[in-house]
Amino acid sequence: MATEEEKKRNLGRINAMIIYGLEKGLWDLMGESALAVSTHVGGGMLEKLEKSMGLEIAGEDPEDILTEIGRIFVDEIGIATQFDINKEGDDVTFEVQNCVLLKTERDLINEGIQPFMCPFLNIAASAMRQRLQIQTQVREINVDVDGKHCGLCFRMV
């Protein structure tokens, strides 16, 4: 019988497998058009984050919202060890270290699929759309598996 620690690792593996399967399936079905799905996915993830983790975006400063999303992912969920945000003009960039989804992203890249279901990027972009009533556009998803680092960016348009 598996220990509690093994069960946690296995749960993480199942979640990564689900994310991989969804991204690959959508990419196989829709090609690059699958990137447009991330907008809707981000809205659903944001809704769950608000309900389950108490994130509030109404009336909050955009930079505070982004900082709180990063804090929740690092301190409460433990999906990464570091989450830095920089807003310059209309671009919002993220530097994420040691994300638990790096191997999943590597597998997608090896299959020729641009990862697009990043919870950091999709939730943050959705929060900005809701809070500021603007559109967002994913600009960059750079994955460095060896360096255990992701560089992410979206533009507010």
N, C-alpha and C. Protein backbone atom coordinates (compact mmCIF):
# COMPACT_ATOMS: atom_id res chain seq x y z
N MET A 1 0.85 -1.18 0.00
CA MET A 1 0.00 0.00 0.00
C MET A 1 0.89 1.25 0.00
N ALA A 2 0.49 2.26 -0.76
CA ALA A 2 1.27 3.49 -0.91
C ALA A 2 1.19 4.34 0.36
N THR A 3 2.31 4.98 0.67
CA THR A 3 2.33 5.91 1.81
C THR A 3 1.62 7.20 1.40
N GLU A 4 1.37 8.05 2.38
CA GLU A 4 0.72 9.34 2.08
C GLU A 4 1.58 10.18 1.15
N GLU A 5 2.89 10.14 1.34
CA GLU A 5 3.81 10.90 0.47
C GLU A 5 3.76 10.36 -0.96
N GLU A 6 3.73 9.05 -1.11
CA GLU A 6 3.63 8.44 -2.45
C GLU A 6 2.31 8.80 -3.11
N LYS A 7 1.25 8.83 -2.32
CA LYS A 7 -0.06 9.21 -2.86
C LYS A 7 -0.05 10.65 -3.35
N LYS A 8 0.61 11.53 -2.62
CA LYS A 8 0.72 12.94 -3.05
C LYS A 8 1.48 13.04 -4.36
N ARG A 9 2.59 12.32 -4.47
CA ARG A 9 3.37 12.33 -5.71
C ARG A 9 2.54 11.78 -6.86
N ASN A 10 1.81 10.70 -6.60
CA ASN A 10 0.98 10.10 -7.64
C ASN A 10 -0.15 11.04 -8.07
N LEU A 11 -0.71 11.77 -7.13
CA LEU A 11 -1.74 12.75 -7.46
C LEU A 11 -1.16 13.84 -8.37
N GLY A 12 0.04 14.28 -8.05
CA GLY A 12 0.72 15.26 -8.90
C GLY A 12 0.95 14.71 -10.29
N ARG A 13 1.34 13.45 -10.38
CA ARG A 13 1.57 12.82 -11.69
C ARG A 13 0.27 12.73 -12.49
N ILE A 14 -0.81 12.38 -11.82
CA ILE A 14 -2.11 12.30 -12.51
C ILE A 14 -2.52 13.68 -13.01
N ASN A 15 -2.38 14.71 -12.18
CA ASN A 15 -2.73 16.06 -12.61
C ASN A 15 -1.89 16.50 -13.80
N ALA A 16 -0.59 16.20 -13.76
CA ALA A 16 0.29 16.53 -14.89
C ALA A 16 -0.13 15.76 -16.14
N MET A 17 -0.53 14.50 -15.97
CA MET A 17 -0.96 13.70 -17.10
C MET A 17 -2.25 14.27 -17.71
N ILE A 18 -3.16 14.72 -16.86
CA ILE A 18 -4.40 15.32 -17.35
C ILE A 18 -4.10 16.59 -18.13
N ILE A 19 -3.24 17.45 -17.59
CA ILE A 19 -2.89 18.68 -18.28
C ILE A 19 -2.23 18.37 -19.62
N TYR A 20 -1.29 17.43 -19.62
CA TYR A 20 -0.64 17.04 -20.86
C TYR A 20 -1.67 16.55 -21.88
N GLY A 21 -2.53 15.66 -21.46
CA GLY A 21 -3.52 15.09 -22.36
C GLY A 21 -4.47 16.14 -22.93
N LEU A 22 -4.91 17.07 -22.08
CA LEU A 22 -5.80 18.13 -22.56
C LEU A 22 -5.09 19.04 -23.56
N GLU A 23 -3.87 19.46 -23.22
CA GLU A 23 -3.15 20.34 -24.14
C GLU A 23 -2.85 19.65 -25.46
N LYS A 24 -2.38 18.42 -25.39
CA LYS A 24 -2.06 17.69 -26.62
C LYS A 24 -3.31 17.44 -27.45
N GLY A 25 -4.39 17.06 -26.79
CA GLY A 25 -5.63 16.80 -27.52
C GLY A 25 -6.17 18.05 -28.19
N LEU A 26 -6.17 19.16 -27.47
CA LEU A 26 -6.64 20.42 -28.06
C LEU A 26 -5.73 20.86 -29.20
N TRP A 27 -4.41 20.70 -29.02
CA TRP A 27 -3.46 21.09 -30.07
C TRP A 27 -3.65 20.22 -31.32
N ASP A 28 -3.81 18.90 -31.09
CA ASP A 28 -4.02 17.99 -32.23
C ASP A 28 -5.31 18.33 -32.97
N LEU A 29 -6.32 18.72 -32.24
CA LEU A 29 -7.62 19.04 -32.83
C LEU A 29 -7.64 20.41 -33.49
N MET A 30 -7.01 21.40 -32.86
CA MET A 30 -7.17 22.79 -33.29
C MET A 30 -5.90 23.47 -33.78
N GLY A 31 -4.75 22.87 -33.58
CA GLY A 31 -3.49 23.52 -33.94
C GLY A 31 -3.29 24.76 -33.08
N GLU A 32 -2.67 25.79 -33.66
CA GLU A 32 -2.39 27.00 -32.89
C GLU A 32 -3.64 27.71 -32.40
N SER A 33 -4.78 27.42 -33.00
CA SER A 33 -6.04 28.01 -32.53
C SER A 33 -6.35 27.59 -31.10
N ALA A 34 -5.73 26.52 -30.65
CA ALA A 34 -5.94 26.06 -29.27
C ALA A 34 -5.48 27.11 -28.26
N LEU A 35 -4.57 27.99 -28.67
CA LEU A 35 -4.10 29.05 -27.77
C LEU A 35 -5.26 29.93 -27.33
N ALA A 36 -6.27 30.10 -28.19
CA ALA A 36 -7.42 30.93 -27.84
C ALA A 36 -8.23 30.32 -26.70
N VAL A 37 -8.14 29.01 -26.51
CA VAL A 37 -8.87 28.33 -25.45
C VAL A 37 -8.36 28.76 -24.08
N SER A 38 -7.10 29.16 -24.01
CA SER A 38 -6.51 29.51 -22.72
C SER A 38 -7.25 30.65 -22.04
N THR A 39 -7.86 31.54 -22.82
CA THR A 39 -8.63 32.64 -22.24
C THR A 39 -9.78 32.10 -21.39
N HIS A 40 -10.50 31.15 -21.94
CA HIS A 40 -11.65 30.57 -21.23
C HIS A 40 -11.20 29.69 -20.07
N VAL A 41 -10.11 28.97 -20.29
CA VAL A 41 -9.58 28.11 -19.24
C VAL A 41 -9.13 28.97 -18.06
N GLY A 42 -8.46 30.08 -18.35
CA GLY A 42 -8.00 30.99 -17.30
C GLY A 42 -9.16 31.52 -16.47
N GLY A 43 -10.28 31.83 -17.12
CA GLY A 43 -11.46 32.30 -16.39
C GLY A 43 -11.99 31.25 -15.43
N GLY A 44 -12.02 30.00 -15.87
CA GLY A 44 -12.47 28.92 -15.00
C GLY A 44 -11.52 28.68 -13.84
N MET A 45 -10.22 28.74 -14.12
CA MET A 45 -9.24 28.55 -13.05
C MET A 45 -9.31 29.69 -12.04
N LEU A 46 -9.48 30.92 -12.53
CA LEU A 46 -9.60 32.08 -11.63
C LEU A 46 -10.82 31.92 -10.73
N GLU A 47 -11.92 31.49 -11.29
CA GLU A 47 -13.14 31.29 -10.50
C GLU A 47 -12.90 30.30 -9.37
N LYS A 48 -12.22 29.20 -9.67
CA LYS A 48 -11.92 28.19 -8.64
C LYS A 48 -10.96 28.74 -7.60
N LEU A 49 -9.97 29.53 -8.04
CA LEU A 49 -9.01 30.11 -7.11
C LEU A 49 -9.70 31.09 -6.16
N GLU A 50 -10.65 31.84 -6.67
CA GLU A 50 -11.39 32.78 -5.83
C GLU A 50 -12.22 32.03 -4.79
N LYS A 51 -12.85 30.95 -5.21
CA LYS A 51 -13.72 30.19 -4.30
C LYS A 51 -12.94 29.35 -3.30
N SER A 52 -11.86 28.70 -3.77
CA SER A 52 -11.17 27.76 -2.90
C SER A 52 -10.04 28.39 -2.09
N MET A 53 -9.44 29.49 -2.59
CA MET A 53 -8.29 30.08 -1.90
C MET A 53 -8.56 31.50 -1.43
N GLY A 54 -9.76 32.00 -1.65
CA GLY A 54 -10.14 33.31 -1.14
C GLY A 54 -9.54 34.50 -1.87
N LEU A 55 -9.06 34.30 -3.10
CA LEU A 55 -8.53 35.42 -3.87
C LEU A 55 -9.66 36.39 -4.18
N GLU A 56 -9.43 37.66 -3.95
CA GLU A 56 -10.40 38.71 -4.27
C GLU A 56 -9.77 39.68 -5.24
N ILE A 57 -10.46 39.94 -6.37
CA ILE A 57 -9.89 40.89 -7.33
C ILE A 57 -10.72 42.16 -7.42
N ALA A 58 -11.96 42.14 -6.98
CA ALA A 58 -12.80 43.33 -7.07
C ALA A 58 -12.22 44.45 -6.20
N GLY A 59 -12.01 45.61 -6.80
CA GLY A 59 -11.53 46.76 -6.05
C GLY A 59 -10.05 46.73 -5.72
N GLU A 60 -9.35 45.72 -6.13
CA GLU A 60 -7.92 45.61 -5.80
C GLU A 60 -7.07 46.21 -6.90
N ASP A 61 -5.90 46.70 -6.53
CA ASP A 61 -4.92 47.22 -7.46
C ASP A 61 -4.40 46.07 -8.33
N PRO A 62 -4.25 46.25 -9.65
CA PRO A 62 -3.78 45.16 -10.51
C PRO A 62 -2.47 44.52 -10.06
N GLU A 63 -1.49 45.33 -9.66
CA GLU A 63 -0.22 44.76 -9.22
C GLU A 63 -0.40 43.93 -7.94
N ASP A 64 -1.28 44.37 -7.06
CA ASP A 64 -1.55 43.60 -5.84
C ASP A 64 -2.21 42.26 -6.17
N ILE A 65 -3.10 42.27 -7.16
CA ILE A 65 -3.75 41.02 -7.58
C ILE A 65 -2.70 40.04 -8.10
N LEU A 66 -1.82 40.53 -8.96
CA LEU A 66 -0.78 39.66 -9.53
C LEU A 66 0.15 39.12 -8.45
N THR A 67 0.52 39.97 -7.52
CA THR A 67 1.39 39.54 -6.42
C THR A 67 0.70 38.48 -5.57
N GLU A 68 -0.59 38.66 -5.30
CA GLU A 68 -1.32 37.69 -4.49
C GLU A 68 -1.47 36.36 -5.21
N ILE A 69 -1.69 36.39 -6.51
CA ILE A 69 -1.75 35.14 -7.28
C ILE A 69 -0.43 34.39 -7.14
N GLY A 70 0.67 35.09 -7.30
CA GLY A 70 1.99 34.46 -7.14
C GLY A 70 2.19 33.92 -5.75
N ARG A 71 1.79 34.68 -4.74
CA ARG A 71 1.93 34.23 -3.36
C ARG A 71 1.14 32.95 -3.11
N ILE A 72 -0.08 32.91 -3.60
CA ILE A 72 -0.92 31.72 -3.42
C ILE A 72 -0.26 30.50 -4.07
N PHE A 73 0.24 30.68 -5.29
CA PHE A 73 0.85 29.55 -5.99
C PHE A 73 2.11 29.05 -5.29
N VAL A 74 2.90 29.96 -4.75
CA VAL A 74 4.15 29.55 -4.09
C VAL A 74 3.90 29.11 -2.66
N ASP A 75 3.25 29.97 -1.86
CA ASP A 75 3.11 29.72 -0.42
C ASP A 75 1.99 28.76 -0.05
N GLU A 76 0.88 28.83 -0.74
CA GLU A 76 -0.29 28.03 -0.36
C GLU A 76 -0.38 26.71 -1.12
N ILE A 77 -0.07 26.75 -2.42
CA ILE A 77 -0.22 25.55 -3.24
C ILE A 77 1.11 24.83 -3.41
N GLY A 78 2.20 25.59 -3.47
CA GLY A 78 3.52 24.99 -3.62
C GLY A 78 3.81 24.52 -5.04
N ILE A 79 3.22 25.15 -6.04
CA ILE A 79 3.43 24.74 -7.42
C ILE A 79 4.78 25.20 -7.96
N ALA A 80 5.38 26.20 -7.32
CA ALA A 80 6.70 26.71 -7.71
C ALA A 80 7.38 27.27 -6.46
N THR A 81 8.67 27.55 -6.58
CA THR A 81 9.39 28.09 -5.42
C THR A 81 9.56 29.60 -5.49
N GLN A 82 9.40 30.16 -6.69
CA GLN A 82 9.55 31.61 -6.84
C GLN A 82 8.67 32.09 -7.97
N PHE A 83 8.11 33.29 -7.78
CA PHE A 83 7.22 33.88 -8.76
C PHE A 83 7.43 35.39 -8.72
N ASP A 84 8.13 35.92 -9.71
CA ASP A 84 8.40 37.35 -9.76
C ASP A 84 7.61 37.97 -10.90
N ILE A 85 7.08 39.15 -10.66
CA ILE A 85 6.24 39.85 -11.63
C ILE A 85 6.86 41.19 -11.95
N ASN A 86 6.78 41.56 -13.22
CA ASN A 86 7.22 42.88 -13.64
C ASN A 86 6.20 43.41 -14.65
N LYS A 87 5.66 44.59 -14.38
CA LYS A 87 4.73 45.23 -15.31
C LYS A 87 5.45 46.42 -15.90
N GLU A 88 5.61 46.39 -17.22
CA GLU A 88 6.28 47.48 -17.92
C GLU A 88 5.39 47.88 -19.09
N GLY A 89 4.78 49.06 -18.97
CA GLY A 89 3.83 49.49 -20.00
C GLY A 89 2.64 48.56 -20.00
N ASP A 90 2.34 48.01 -21.16
CA ASP A 90 1.21 47.09 -21.30
C ASP A 90 1.61 45.63 -21.14
N ASP A 91 2.92 45.37 -20.98
CA ASP A 91 3.40 44.00 -20.84
C ASP A 91 3.54 43.61 -19.37
N VAL A 92 3.06 42.42 -19.04
CA VAL A 92 3.22 41.86 -17.71
C VAL A 92 4.04 40.59 -17.88
N THR A 93 5.22 40.57 -17.25
CA THR A 93 6.09 39.40 -17.36
C THR A 93 6.20 38.69 -16.01
N PHE A 94 6.42 37.40 -16.09
CA PHE A 94 6.55 36.55 -14.91
C PHE A 94 7.82 35.74 -15.05
N GLU A 95 8.51 35.57 -13.97
CA GLU A 95 9.66 34.67 -13.90
C GLU A 95 9.28 33.63 -12.84
N VAL A 96 9.16 32.39 -13.27
CA VAL A 96 8.70 31.31 -12.38
C VAL A 96 9.83 30.30 -12.25
N GLN A 97 10.16 29.95 -11.02
CA GLN A 97 11.24 29.02 -10.77
C GLN A 97 10.70 27.73 -10.17
N ASN A 98 11.19 26.60 -10.65
CA ASN A 98 10.90 25.27 -10.11
C ASN A 98 9.41 24.92 -10.15
N CYS A 99 8.74 25.23 -11.24
CA CYS A 99 7.33 24.87 -11.39
C CYS A 99 7.19 23.35 -11.50
N VAL A 100 6.20 22.79 -10.85
CA VAL A 100 6.00 21.35 -10.87
C VAL A 100 5.56 20.85 -12.25
N LEU A 101 5.18 21.75 -13.14
CA LEU A 101 4.72 21.35 -14.47
C LEU A 101 5.82 21.39 -15.53
N LEU A 102 7.06 21.63 -15.13
CA LEU A 102 8.15 21.74 -16.10
C LEU A 102 8.30 20.49 -16.97
N LYS A 103 8.23 19.31 -16.38
CA LYS A 103 8.39 18.08 -17.16
C LYS A 103 7.24 17.91 -18.15
N THR A 104 6.04 18.30 -17.74
CA THR A 104 4.89 18.25 -18.64
C THR A 104 5.11 19.19 -19.81
N GLU A 105 5.60 20.40 -19.50
CA GLU A 105 5.86 21.37 -20.56
C GLU A 105 6.96 20.86 -21.49
N ARG A 106 8.00 20.25 -20.94
CA ARG A 106 9.07 19.68 -21.77
C ARG A 106 8.51 18.63 -22.71
N ASP A 107 7.64 17.76 -22.20
CA ASP A 107 7.05 16.72 -23.03
C ASP A 107 6.22 17.32 -24.16
N LEU A 108 5.48 18.39 -23.86
CA LEU A 108 4.68 19.06 -24.90
C LEU A 108 5.59 19.67 -25.96
N ILE A 109 6.64 20.36 -25.52
CA ILE A 109 7.58 20.98 -26.45
C ILE A 109 8.22 19.93 -27.33
N ASN A 110 8.58 18.78 -26.75
CA ASN A 110 9.18 17.69 -27.53
C ASN A 110 8.22 17.16 -28.58
N GLU A 111 6.93 17.33 -28.37
CA GLU A 111 5.91 16.91 -29.33
C GLU A 111 5.58 18.03 -30.33
N GLY A 112 6.27 19.17 -30.21
CA GLY A 112 6.02 20.29 -31.11
C GLY A 112 4.83 21.14 -30.69
N ILE A 113 4.45 21.06 -29.43
CA ILE A 113 3.29 21.79 -28.92
C ILE A 113 3.77 22.91 -28.01
N GLN A 114 3.32 24.13 -28.28
CA GLN A 114 3.63 25.27 -27.40
C GLN A 114 2.74 25.15 -26.16
N PRO A 115 3.32 25.01 -24.96
CA PRO A 115 2.48 24.93 -23.76
C PRO A 115 1.59 26.17 -23.65
N PHE A 116 0.32 25.96 -23.34
CA PHE A 116 -0.60 27.10 -23.27
C PHE A 116 -1.57 27.03 -22.10
N MET A 117 -1.47 26.05 -21.25
CA MET A 117 -2.37 25.93 -20.11
C MET A 117 -1.68 26.30 -18.80
N CYS A 118 -0.72 27.20 -18.86
CA CYS A 118 0.01 27.60 -17.67
C CYS A 118 -0.93 28.29 -16.69
N PRO A 119 -1.08 27.74 -15.49
CA PRO A 119 -2.01 28.35 -14.54
C PRO A 119 -1.61 29.76 -14.13
N PHE A 120 -0.30 30.03 -13.99
CA PHE A 120 0.15 31.38 -13.64
C PHE A 120 -0.33 32.38 -14.68
N LEU A 121 0.01 32.10 -15.93
CA LEU A 121 -0.28 33.02 -17.02
C LEU A 121 -1.77 33.17 -17.26
N ASN A 122 -2.49 32.07 -17.30
CA ASN A 122 -3.91 32.11 -17.63
C ASN A 122 -4.75 32.76 -16.53
N ILE A 123 -4.44 32.48 -15.28
CA ILE A 123 -5.19 33.09 -14.18
C ILE A 123 -4.89 34.57 -14.07
N ALA A 124 -3.61 34.94 -14.18
CA ALA A 124 -3.24 36.35 -14.09
C ALA A 124 -3.87 37.16 -15.22
N ALA A 125 -3.81 36.64 -16.44
CA ALA A 125 -4.40 37.35 -17.58
C ALA A 125 -5.91 37.47 -17.41
N SER A 126 -6.56 36.43 -16.92
CA SER A 126 -8.00 36.48 -16.69
C SER A 126 -8.36 37.49 -15.61
N ALA A 127 -7.57 37.54 -14.55
CA ALA A 127 -7.82 38.51 -13.47
C ALA A 127 -7.70 39.94 -14.00
N MET A 128 -6.72 40.19 -14.86
CA MET A 128 -6.56 41.54 -15.42
C MET A 128 -7.72 41.88 -16.35
N ARG A 129 -8.18 40.89 -17.12
CA ARG A 129 -9.34 41.13 -18.00
C ARG A 129 -10.56 41.51 -17.18
N GLN A 130 -10.80 40.76 -16.10
CA GLN A 130 -11.97 41.03 -15.26
C GLN A 130 -11.84 42.34 -14.51
N ARG A 131 -10.69 42.58 -13.92
CA ARG A 131 -10.51 43.76 -13.07
C ARG A 131 -10.46 45.06 -13.87
N LEU A 132 -9.75 45.03 -15.01
CA LEU A 132 -9.55 46.25 -15.78
C LEU A 132 -10.47 46.37 -16.99
N GLN A 133 -11.26 45.34 -17.23
CA GLN A 133 -12.17 45.33 -18.39
C GLN A 133 -11.40 45.56 -19.69
N ILE A 134 -10.30 44.83 -19.86
CA ILE A 134 -9.49 44.92 -21.06
C ILE A 134 -9.24 43.53 -21.62
N GLN A 135 -8.71 43.47 -22.80
CA GLN A 135 -8.31 42.21 -23.41
C GLN A 135 -6.84 41.95 -23.09
N THR A 136 -6.47 40.70 -23.10
CA THR A 136 -5.07 40.33 -22.91
C THR A 136 -4.65 39.40 -24.04
N GLN A 137 -3.36 39.40 -24.31
CA GLN A 137 -2.82 38.56 -25.36
C GLN A 137 -1.55 37.91 -24.85
N VAL A 138 -1.48 36.59 -24.90
CA VAL A 138 -0.27 35.89 -24.50
C VAL A 138 0.82 36.25 -25.50
N ARG A 139 1.95 36.70 -24.98
CA ARG A 139 3.06 37.12 -25.83
C ARG A 139 4.20 36.11 -25.82
N GLU A 140 4.39 35.44 -24.69
CA GLU A 140 5.59 34.62 -24.59
C GLU A 140 5.41 33.54 -23.52
N ILE A 141 5.82 32.34 -23.87
CA ILE A 141 5.94 31.25 -22.90
C ILE A 141 7.27 30.57 -23.21
N ASN A 142 8.29 30.92 -22.44
CA ASN A 142 9.62 30.32 -22.62
C ASN A 142 9.88 29.36 -21.47
N VAL A 143 10.18 28.13 -21.83
CA VAL A 143 10.40 27.08 -20.83
C VAL A 143 11.84 26.62 -20.91
N ASP A 144 12.56 26.72 -19.80
CA ASP A 144 13.93 26.24 -19.69
C ASP A 144 13.92 25.10 -18.66
N VAL A 145 13.74 23.89 -19.15
CA VAL A 145 13.61 22.74 -18.25
C VAL A 145 14.90 22.53 -17.47
N ASP A 146 16.05 22.63 -18.13
CA ASP A 146 17.32 22.42 -17.44
C ASP A 146 17.54 23.46 -16.34
N GLY A 147 17.18 24.72 -16.61
CA GLY A 147 17.32 25.79 -15.62
C GLY A 147 16.15 25.86 -14.65
N LYS A 148 15.14 24.99 -14.85
CA LYS A 148 13.95 24.93 -14.00
C LYS A 148 13.28 26.30 -13.90
N HIS A 149 13.12 26.93 -15.05
CA HIS A 149 12.64 28.31 -15.10
C HIS A 149 11.69 28.49 -16.28
N CYS A 150 10.65 29.30 -16.06
CA CYS A 150 9.76 29.71 -17.13
C CYS A 150 9.71 31.24 -17.16
N GLY A 151 9.77 31.79 -18.36
CA GLY A 151 9.57 33.20 -18.58
C GLY A 151 8.26 33.38 -19.33
N LEU A 152 7.34 34.10 -18.73
CA LEU A 152 6.00 34.24 -19.29
C LEU A 152 5.67 35.70 -19.48
N CYS A 153 4.83 36.01 -20.48
CA CYS A 153 4.46 37.40 -20.68
C CYS A 153 3.09 37.45 -21.35
N PHE A 154 2.27 38.39 -20.88
CA PHE A 154 1.07 38.73 -21.63
C PHE A 154 0.99 40.24 -21.76
N ARG A 155 0.28 40.67 -22.80
CA ARG A 155 0.11 42.10 -23.05
C ARG A 155 -1.35 42.46 -22.82
N MET A 156 -1.53 43.60 -22.17
CA MET A 156 -2.88 44.13 -21.95
C MET A 156 -3.18 45.05 -23.14
N VAL A 157 -4.24 44.74 -23.86
CA VAL A 157 -4.58 45.51 -25.07
C VAL A 157 -5.95 46.13 -24.96
